């Protein structure tokens, strides 16, 4: 005789099935339930609240903080290398500024090619070479950066590290001047005051030292125009690709000079000792590595933080010039540097105010 399930029996079976499904779902989410709230004469045990163990944070926050910390370390490493680089160039000073520049170009290209291959960025490099507009811009940028490198090496090897330091203190002010004259940007009144202090520093140094601080001005304006050209390209060409193209364009001239120097017996490569030869090769690493650090920090740090870090380089150079190279610091030079430092502080305050105003809009 076939038994028929009544409505109550069917309802009980459905209830049990739903209950099992509910418990299964809760167990999947790591919750602990003894029964459903609808079960007669039974009470449910509330699932324990999911808490984050002490000392830990959500993974997204951890990644953000780790990224910012690594970006800060990369930025400090970049400007610390640039600040200490006078010691390196002074160690290979017997080669002369032009030979050092030529080796810097050649070995930078070698190092960049290795990094391009290892990081699988070769396609970006070749794409830039096929981009006529970017290539023309980078060709002009190559002339500017070679001028900057040559004057800088000359400054270090001829006892003018303080002038080089002053040039990179002035550089942000030059950038503002170029933004006003070329890009027609409007600046805050406080920025104009900062520019006035910078101009006053140049006048004081010219009168007090008896000569125009041409090393400082050439370094500041060459790097300022270089930055202006790079801004025209935008983010389409990263720092590694840019340096690779620039050194590639300069490499034929650098190699030609080194071959000629070897032919007339004036080359120090291989003749100035093994350490000297190794250091000449390392000039490529010293050139490219800070740029890689800078590119990483620019991606992981706020622009305001990166802007303040840029003064670390000339500050280290200033200290090295006084403590290591014992360069003279007469009163006129002290006054000039103080005026530039005041200008830098005013420009930084003005930039911070402008950034706050933009963010509050």
Protein backbone atom coordinates (compact mmCIF):
# COMPACT_ATOMS: atom_id res chain seq x y z
CA UNK A 1 0.00 0.00 0.00
CA UNK A 2 1.52 3.23 -1.13
CA UNK A 3 1.81 5.83 1.65
CA UNK A 4 0.98 9.37 0.89
CA UNK A 5 2.73 12.26 2.56
CA UNK A 6 0.37 14.80 3.91
CA UNK A 7 0.94 18.55 3.76
CA UNK A 8 2.52 18.57 7.22
CA UNK A 9 5.00 15.86 6.25
CA UNK A 10 5.94 17.62 3.02
CA UNK A 11 6.35 20.89 4.84
CA UNK A 12 8.63 19.24 7.41
CA UNK A 13 10.81 17.74 4.67
CA UNK A 14 11.05 21.11 2.92
CA UNK A 15 11.91 22.81 6.21
CA UNK A 16 14.72 20.33 6.92
CA UNK A 17 16.14 20.81 3.42
CA UNK A 18 16.09 24.59 3.75
CA UNK A 19 17.67 24.37 7.19
CA UNK A 20 20.54 22.20 5.90
CA UNK A 21 21.10 24.61 3.03
CA UNK A 22 21.15 27.56 5.43
CA UNK A 23 23.66 25.88 7.74
CA UNK A 24 25.85 24.92 4.78
CA UNK A 25 25.99 28.52 3.58
CA UNK A 26 26.83 29.84 7.01
CA UNK A 27 29.57 27.26 7.48
CA UNK A 28 31.04 28.31 4.13
CA UNK A 29 31.40 31.84 5.53
CA UNK A 30 33.10 30.48 8.70
CA UNK A 31 30.12 31.28 10.94
CA UNK A 32 28.93 28.94 13.68
CA UNK A 33 25.20 28.26 14.07
CA UNK A 34 23.53 25.52 16.12
CA UNK A 35 20.03 26.03 14.74
CA UNK A 36 17.86 28.43 12.86
CA UNK A 37 15.91 31.06 14.78
CA UNK A 38 12.64 29.54 13.67
CA UNK A 39 13.24 26.14 15.27
CA UNK A 40 10.89 25.65 18.26
CA UNK A 41 12.39 25.36 21.75
CA UNK A 42 15.91 26.06 20.43
CA UNK A 43 18.02 29.21 20.50
CA UNK A 44 20.57 30.22 17.96
CA UNK A 45 24.09 30.98 18.97
CA UNK A 46 25.13 34.27 17.35
CA UNK A 47 28.09 34.02 15.02
CA UNK A 48 31.21 35.61 16.46
CA UNK A 49 32.13 38.94 14.95
CA UNK A 50 34.96 38.74 12.50
CA UNK A 51 37.76 40.82 13.91
CA UNK A 52 41.09 41.76 12.48
CA UNK A 53 43.99 40.42 14.54
CA UNK A 54 45.81 43.08 16.49
CA UNK A 55 48.70 44.64 14.58
CA UNK A 56 47.31 43.77 11.16
CA UNK A 57 45.45 45.92 8.64
CA UNK A 58 43.41 45.25 5.53
CA UNK A 59 45.59 44.15 2.65
CA UNK A 60 44.69 47.18 0.50
CA UNK A 61 45.87 49.56 3.20
CA UNK A 62 49.03 47.56 3.73
CA UNK A 63 49.80 47.66 0.03
CA UNK A 64 49.21 51.41 -0.12
CA UNK A 65 51.48 52.07 2.85
CA UNK A 66 54.15 49.73 1.55
CA UNK A 67 54.00 51.42 -1.85
CA UNK A 68 54.33 54.88 -0.30
CA UNK A 69 57.22 53.73 1.90
CA UNK A 70 59.05 52.18 -1.03
CA UNK A 71 58.41 55.30 -3.10
CA UNK A 72 59.86 57.47 -0.35
CA UNK A 73 62.94 55.25 -0.07
CA UNK A 74 63.40 55.36 -3.85
CA UNK A 75 63.10 59.15 -3.85
CA UNK A 76 65.61 59.51 -1.03
CA UNK A 77 67.95 57.08 -2.79
CA UNK A 78 67.66 59.03 -6.03
CA UNK A 79 68.51 62.43 -4.57
CA UNK A 80 71.10 60.97 -2.18
CA UNK A 81 73.00 59.52 -5.16
CA UNK A 82 72.73 62.82 -7.02
CA UNK A 83 73.93 64.61 -3.89
CA UNK A 84 76.95 62.34 -3.41
CA UNK A 85 77.88 62.12 -7.08
CA UNK A 86 80.59 64.85 -6.79
CA UNK A 87 82.70 62.37 -4.81
CA UNK A 88 82.44 59.86 -7.66
CA UNK A 89 83.36 62.32 -10.42
CA UNK A 90 86.20 63.72 -8.36
CA UNK A 91 87.60 60.17 -8.06
CA UNK A 92 87.81 59.86 -11.87
CA UNK A 93 88.78 63.50 -12.43
CA UNK A 94 92.08 62.58 -14.11
CA UNK A 95 90.08 61.63 -17.21
CA UNK A 96 88.92 65.19 -17.81
CA UNK A 97 85.33 66.44 -18.22
CA UNK A 98 84.89 65.54 -21.91
CA UNK A 99 86.24 61.99 -21.57
CA UNK A 100 84.09 61.44 -18.47
CA UNK A 101 81.06 62.71 -20.38
CA UNK A 102 81.78 60.35 -23.29
CA UNK A 103 82.12 57.34 -20.99
CA UNK A 104 79.00 58.38 -19.14
CA UNK A 105 77.03 58.35 -22.40
CA UNK A 106 78.38 55.02 -23.68
CA UNK A 107 78.08 53.05 -20.45
CA UNK A 108 74.68 54.57 -19.64
CA UNK A 109 73.44 53.25 -22.98
CA UNK A 110 74.83 49.79 -22.23
CA UNK A 111 73.21 49.74 -18.79
CA UNK A 112 69.89 51.02 -20.18
CA UNK A 113 69.81 48.37 -22.90
CA UNK A 114 70.35 45.65 -20.27
CA UNK A 115 67.51 47.02 -18.15
CA UNK A 116 65.24 47.36 -21.18
CA UNK A 117 65.77 43.71 -22.06
CA UNK A 118 65.40 42.41 -18.50
CA UNK A 119 62.27 44.48 -17.83
CA UNK A 120 60.77 43.66 -21.24
CA UNK A 121 60.38 47.31 -22.21
CA UNK A 122 62.12 46.97 -25.56
CA UNK A 123 58.86 47.57 -27.42
CA UNK A 124 58.46 50.99 -25.74
CA UNK A 125 61.98 51.90 -26.78
CA UNK A 126 61.47 50.95 -30.44
CA UNK A 127 58.06 52.64 -30.49
CA UNK A 128 59.67 55.90 -29.34
CA UNK A 129 62.29 55.63 -32.07
CA UNK A 130 59.47 55.37 -34.63
CA UNK A 131 57.68 58.40 -33.17
CA UNK A 132 59.05 61.34 -35.18
CA UNK A 133 57.71 64.07 -32.89
CA UNK A 134 59.05 62.42 -29.73
CA UNK A 135 62.38 61.69 -31.41
CA UNK A 136 62.85 65.33 -32.47
CA UNK A 137 62.03 66.54 -28.97
CA UNK A 138 64.41 64.05 -27.39
CA UNK A 139 67.15 65.10 -29.82
CA UNK A 140 66.97 68.66 -28.51
CA UNK A 141 66.73 67.32 -24.96
CA UNK A 142 69.91 65.32 -25.62
CA UNK A 143 71.85 68.49 -26.43
CA UNK A 144 70.59 70.13 -23.23
CA UNK A 145 71.37 67.21 -20.94
CA UNK A 146 74.84 66.77 -22.46
CA UNK A 147 75.51 70.44 -21.78
CA UNK A 148 74.26 69.99 -18.23
CA UNK A 149 76.41 66.89 -17.64
CA UNK A 150 79.53 68.48 -19.11
CA UNK A 151 79.27 71.66 -17.03
CA UNK A 152 78.50 69.65 -13.91
CA UNK A 153 81.55 67.41 -14.34
CA UNK A 154 83.66 70.50 -15.03
CA UNK A 155 82.34 72.11 -11.83
CA UNK A 156 83.23 69.07 -9.74
CA UNK A 157 86.69 68.52 -11.23
CA UNK A 158 87.63 72.22 -11.06
CA UNK A 159 86.56 72.94 -7.48
CA UNK A 160 83.13 74.55 -8.09
CA UNK A 161 80.82 72.12 -6.29
CA UNK A 162 79.24 75.00 -4.37
CA UNK A 163 78.32 76.63 -7.68
CA UNK A 164 76.78 73.35 -8.82
CA UNK A 165 74.82 73.12 -5.58
CA UNK A 166 73.58 76.69 -6.05
CA UNK A 167 72.49 75.85 -9.59
CA UNK A 168 70.22 73.05 -8.44
CA UNK A 169 68.80 75.24 -5.68
CA UNK A 170 67.96 77.83 -8.35
CA UNK A 171 66.54 75.26 -10.78
CA UNK A 172 62.98 75.22 -9.33
CA UNK A 173 62.89 79.02 -9.64
CA UNK A 174 64.03 78.76 -13.26
CA UNK A 175 61.26 76.24 -13.84
CA UNK A 176 58.74 78.81 -12.62
CA UNK A 177 60.21 81.47 -14.94
CA UNK A 178 59.93 79.14 -17.92
CA UNK A 179 56.37 78.24 -16.97
CA UNK A 180 55.44 81.95 -16.99
CA UNK A 181 57.33 82.91 -20.16
CA UNK A 182 56.76 79.82 -22.29
CA UNK A 183 53.59 78.20 -21.01
CA UNK A 184 51.92 81.47 -19.94
CA UNK A 185 51.08 80.12 -16.51
CA UNK A 186 49.91 82.42 -13.74
CA UNK A 187 51.79 82.30 -10.45
CA UNK A 188 50.99 83.42 -6.93
CA UNK A 189 52.28 86.79 -5.61
CA UNK A 190 54.44 84.93 -3.09
CA UNK A 191 56.16 83.16 -5.97
CA UNK A 192 57.10 86.52 -7.51
CA UNK A 193 58.67 87.49 -4.19
CA UNK A 194 60.63 84.22 -4.23
CA UNK A 195 61.88 84.99 -7.73
CA UNK A 196 62.97 88.41 -6.50
CA UNK A 197 65.06 86.83 -3.75
CA UNK A 198 66.60 84.46 -6.32
CA UNK A 199 67.53 87.36 -8.60
CA UNK A 200 68.97 89.20 -5.59
CA UNK A 201 71.16 86.18 -4.82
CA UNK A 202 72.61 86.21 -8.35
CA UNK A 203 73.35 89.94 -8.09
CA UNK A 204 75.01 89.59 -4.68
CA UNK A 205 77.16 86.69 -5.87
CA UNK A 206 78.15 88.51 -9.06
CA UNK A 207 79.18 91.66 -7.21
CA UNK A 208 80.66 89.95 -4.14
CA UNK A 209 82.58 87.22 -5.98
CA UNK A 210 83.58 89.45 -8.88
CA UNK A 211 82.16 87.15 -11.56
CA UNK A 212 78.80 85.94 -12.80
CA UNK A 213 77.94 82.50 -11.33
CA UNK A 214 77.73 81.07 -14.83
CA UNK A 215 78.13 77.47 -13.71
CA UNK A 216 75.04 77.78 -11.51
CA UNK A 217 73.03 79.54 -14.21
CA UNK A 218 73.98 77.10 -16.98
CA UNK A 219 73.09 74.11 -14.80
CA UNK A 220 69.80 75.67 -13.72
CA UNK A 221 68.65 76.81 -17.16
CA UNK A 222 69.85 73.75 -19.10
CA UNK A 223 68.03 71.42 -16.73
CA UNK A 224 65.04 73.76 -16.66
CA UNK A 225 64.68 73.71 -20.47
CA UNK A 226 65.33 69.95 -20.40
CA UNK A 227 62.43 69.49 -18.00
CA UNK A 228 60.25 71.74 -20.15
CA UNK A 229 60.89 69.60 -23.22
CA UNK A 230 60.25 66.40 -21.29
CA UNK A 231 56.92 67.81 -20.11
CA UNK A 232 55.95 68.36 -23.75
CA UNK A 233 56.33 64.63 -24.34
CA UNK A 234 54.30 63.80 -21.26
CA UNK A 235 53.99 60.39 -19.66
CA UNK A 236 54.10 58.58 -23.01
CA UNK A 237 57.87 58.19 -22.67
CA UNK A 238 59.11 56.97 -19.28
CA UNK A 239 62.44 57.98 -17.78
CA UNK A 240 64.26 54.76 -18.75
CA UNK A 241 63.12 54.94 -22.38
CA UNK A 242 63.95 58.63 -22.53
CA UNK A 243 67.49 58.13 -21.22
CA UNK A 244 67.98 55.19 -23.57
CA UNK A 245 67.02 57.25 -26.62
CA UNK A 246 69.08 60.26 -25.51
CA UNK A 247 72.23 58.21 -24.92
CA UNK A 248 71.65 56.35 -28.21
CA UNK A 249 71.56 59.66 -30.09
CA UNK A 250 74.74 60.85 -28.35
CA UNK A 251 76.59 57.52 -28.51
CA UNK A 252 78.10 57.91 -32.01
CA UNK A 253 79.75 61.20 -31.02
CA UNK A 254 80.90 59.80 -27.67
CA UNK A 255 82.33 56.66 -29.24
CA UNK A 256 84.04 58.69 -31.96
CA UNK A 257 85.69 60.92 -29.36
CA UNK A 258 86.84 57.95 -27.27
CA UNK A 259 88.30 56.21 -30.33
CA UNK A 260 90.12 59.40 -31.33
CA UNK A 261 91.39 59.87 -27.77
CA UNK A 262 92.74 56.32 -27.76
CA UNK A 263 94.37 56.80 -31.17
CA UNK A 264 96.38 59.81 -29.97
CA UNK A 265 97.32 58.07 -26.72
CA UNK A 266 95.42 60.42 -24.43
CA UNK A 267 92.75 58.02 -23.15
CA UNK A 268 92.81 57.08 -19.48
CA UNK A 269 90.58 54.03 -20.02
CA UNK A 270 92.73 50.97 -19.36
CA UNK A 271 95.82 53.08 -18.71
CA UNK A 272 94.86 54.83 -15.47
CA UNK A 273 94.70 51.71 -13.36
CA UNK A 274 92.08 48.97 -12.96
CA UNK A 275 90.07 50.90 -10.36
CA UNK A 276 89.89 53.95 -12.60
CA UNK A 277 88.69 51.80 -15.52
CA UNK A 278 86.01 50.14 -13.38
CA UNK A 279 84.80 53.51 -12.13
CA UNK A 280 84.53 54.82 -15.70
CA UNK A 281 82.34 51.84 -16.56
CA UNK A 282 80.27 52.44 -13.42
CA UNK A 283 79.54 55.98 -14.59
CA UNK A 284 76.71 54.44 -16.61
CA UNK A 285 75.16 52.88 -13.51
CA UNK A 286 75.61 56.09 -11.52
CA UNK A 287 73.77 57.95 -14.27
CA UNK A 288 70.88 55.55 -14.93
CA UNK A 289 70.15 54.16 -11.45
CA UNK A 290 68.95 57.46 -9.89
CA UNK A 291 66.62 57.99 -12.86
CA UNK A 292 65.09 54.55 -12.30
CA UNK A 293 64.61 55.41 -8.62
CA UNK A 294 63.10 58.75 -9.60
CA UNK A 295 60.66 57.12 -12.03
CA UNK A 296 59.48 54.70 -9.34
CA UNK A 297 59.10 57.38 -6.67
CA UNK A 298 57.17 59.64 -9.07
CA UNK A 299 54.61 56.87 -9.50
CA UNK A 300 54.17 56.17 -5.78
CA UNK A 301 54.60 59.55 -4.06
CA UNK A 302 52.51 62.73 -4.06
CA UNK A 303 54.01 65.48 -6.18
CA UNK A 304 54.34 67.73 -3.12
CA UNK A 305 56.53 65.16 -1.34
CA UNK A 306 58.66 64.62 -4.42
CA UNK A 307 59.04 68.39 -4.80
CA UNK A 308 60.45 68.72 -1.31
CA UNK A 309 62.85 65.80 -1.80
CA UNK A 310 64.51 67.58 -4.73
CA UNK A 311 66.32 69.91 -2.32
CA UNK A 312 68.06 66.94 -0.71
CA UNK A 313 70.51 66.69 -3.62
CA UNK A 314 71.92 70.24 -3.57
CA UNK A 315 71.94 70.21 0.24
CA UNK A 316 74.18 67.13 0.28
CA UNK A 317 76.37 68.71 -2.40
CA UNK A 318 76.64 71.88 -0.29
CA UNK A 319 77.78 69.86 2.73
CA UNK A 320 80.28 67.84 0.68
CA UNK A 321 81.72 71.00 -0.88
CA UNK A 322 82.43 72.45 2.57
CA UNK A 323 83.31 69.32 4.58
CA UNK A 324 85.07 67.17 1.96
CA UNK A 325 86.46 69.52 -0.69
CA UNK A 326 87.05 72.51 1.64
CA UNK A 327 85.79 75.04 -0.89
CA UNK A 328 85.97 78.67 0.26
CA UNK A 329 82.82 80.28 1.63
CA UNK A 330 83.34 84.05 1.83
CA UNK A 331 80.59 86.33 3.25
CA UNK A 332 79.22 87.22 -0.19
CA UNK A 333 78.65 83.55 -0.98
CA UNK A 334 76.95 83.00 2.39
CA UNK A 335 74.62 85.92 1.70
CA UNK A 336 73.86 84.60 -1.76
CA UNK A 337 73.02 81.13 -0.47
CA UNK A 338 70.83 82.56 2.32
CA UNK A 339 68.87 84.59 -0.22
CA UNK A 340 68.39 81.48 -2.36
CA UNK A 341 67.26 79.44 0.65
CA UNK A 342 64.69 82.12 1.49
CA UNK A 343 63.51 82.03 -2.12
CA UNK A 344 63.20 78.24 -1.99
CA UNK A 345 61.13 78.37 1.21
CA UNK A 346 58.81 81.04 -0.21
CA UNK A 347 58.37 79.10 -3.45
CA UNK A 348 57.58 75.91 -1.51
CA UNK A 349 55.00 77.70 0.66
CA UNK A 350 53.41 79.24 -2.43
CA UNK A 351 53.23 75.86 -4.16
CA UNK A 352 51.68 74.26 -1.06
CA UNK A 353 49.03 77.01 -0.86
CA UNK A 354 48.21 76.67 -4.54
CA UNK A 355 47.88 72.89 -4.22
CA UNK A 356 45.57 73.30 -1.22
CA UNK A 357 43.40 75.77 -3.12
CA UNK A 358 43.09 73.41 -6.09
CA UNK A 359 42.19 70.46 -3.87
CA UNK A 360 39.51 72.45 -2.04
CA UNK A 361 37.71 73.43 -5.23
